[in-house]
Amino acid sequence: MITLLYFAGLREATGRAQEEADLDGKTVAELIAWVGERYPHLPLEAVRVAINEEYAPESDVLQEGDIAALIPPVSGG
């Protein structure tokens, strides 16, 4: 299982801070597609994914026990 963490507006939009998913062996791109199917109202175009606290390209493959954080763009001032 992969632990998914939702941050900022994604947390509010999904109604949860985290969830578990059987996505080991899938790519980061497939993870994003899975989240998009589960939550079609989420704006995922600019979301970055960090795997085990490091930003990951869409081609990276998830492994059992990974923690995937979905981080939306954040602006500040």
Protein backbone atom coordinates (compact mmCIF):
# COMPACT_ATOMS: atom_id res chain seq x y z
CA MET A 1 0.00 0.00 0.00
CA ILE A 2 0.99 3.59 -0.65
CA THR A 3 0.12 6.36 1.80
CA LEU A 4 -1.20 9.47 0.06
CA LEU A 5 -0.95 12.81 1.85
CA TYR A 6 -3.06 15.75 0.71
CA PHE A 7 -1.89 19.27 1.50
CA ALA A 8 -3.49 22.72 1.57
CA GLY A 9 -6.49 23.08 -0.76
CA LEU A 10 -6.30 19.42 -1.76
CA ARG A 11 -6.93 18.42 1.85
CA GLU A 12 -10.02 20.63 1.94
CA ALA A 13 -11.27 19.45 -1.46
CA THR A 14 -10.89 15.73 -0.69
CA GLY A 15 -12.10 16.03 2.89
CA ARG A 16 -9.14 14.04 4.14
CA ALA A 17 -5.51 14.56 5.05
CA GLN A 18 -4.40 11.10 3.97
CA GLU A 19 -5.52 7.73 2.64
CA GLU A 20 -4.06 4.38 1.65
CA ALA A 21 -4.11 3.06 -1.92
CA ASP A 22 -2.88 -0.08 -3.64
CA LEU A 23 -0.66 1.71 -6.15
CA ASP A 24 2.69 -0.01 -5.69
CA GLY A 25 4.29 -0.68 -9.08
CA LYS A 26 2.45 2.31 -10.60
CA THR A 27 4.16 5.48 -11.82
CA VAL A 28 3.66 8.94 -10.37
CA ALA A 29 1.68 9.77 -13.54
CA GLU A 30 -0.61 6.82 -12.84
CA LEU A 31 -0.98 7.98 -9.24
CA ILE A 32 -2.10 11.41 -10.43
CA ALA A 33 -4.56 9.79 -12.86
CA TRP A 34 -5.93 7.61 -10.03
CA VAL A 35 -6.46 10.67 -7.81
CA GLY A 36 -8.12 12.48 -10.73
CA GLU A 37 -10.55 9.60 -11.24
CA ARG A 38 -11.34 9.39 -7.54
CA TYR A 39 -11.72 13.17 -7.13
CA PRO A 40 -12.65 14.54 -10.58
CA HIS A 41 -13.23 18.04 -9.17
CA LEU A 42 -9.58 18.49 -8.14
CA PRO A 43 -7.38 20.80 -10.19
CA LEU A 44 -4.33 18.54 -10.60
CA GLU A 45 -2.59 20.28 -13.51
CA ALA A 46 0.00 22.04 -11.35
CA VAL A 47 0.18 19.59 -8.44
CA ARG A 48 3.67 18.36 -7.52
CA VAL A 49 4.22 14.92 -6.05
CA ALA A 50 6.89 14.14 -3.48
CA ILE A 51 7.74 10.52 -2.80
CA ASN A 52 9.28 9.95 0.63
CA GLU A 53 9.91 13.69 0.99
CA GLU A 54 11.61 14.21 -2.41
CA TYR A 55 9.93 15.67 -5.48
CA ALA A 56 9.47 12.94 -8.07
CA PRO A 57 9.10 13.02 -11.86
CA GLU A 58 6.00 11.42 -13.38
CA SER A 59 8.07 8.43 -14.53
CA ASP A 60 9.13 7.35 -11.01
CA VAL A 61 7.65 4.02 -9.88
CA LEU A 62 5.97 3.70 -6.49
CA GLN A 63 7.01 0.92 -4.14
CA GLU A 64 5.24 -0.76 -1.24
CA GLY A 65 5.36 1.49 1.83
CA ASP A 66 6.08 4.73 -0.05
CA ILE A 67 4.55 7.97 1.15
CA ALA A 68 3.32 10.17 -1.69
CA ALA A 69 2.55 13.80 -0.87
CA LEU A 70 0.39 15.77 -3.29
CA ILE A 71 1.33 19.43 -3.03
CA PRO A 72 -0.64 22.12 -4.86
CA PRO A 73 0.97 25.39 -5.94
CA VAL A 74 1.17 27.82 -3.04
CA SER A 75 1.50 31.56 -3.30
CA GLY A 76 2.53 33.88 -0.55
CA GLY A 77 3.54 37.37 0.05
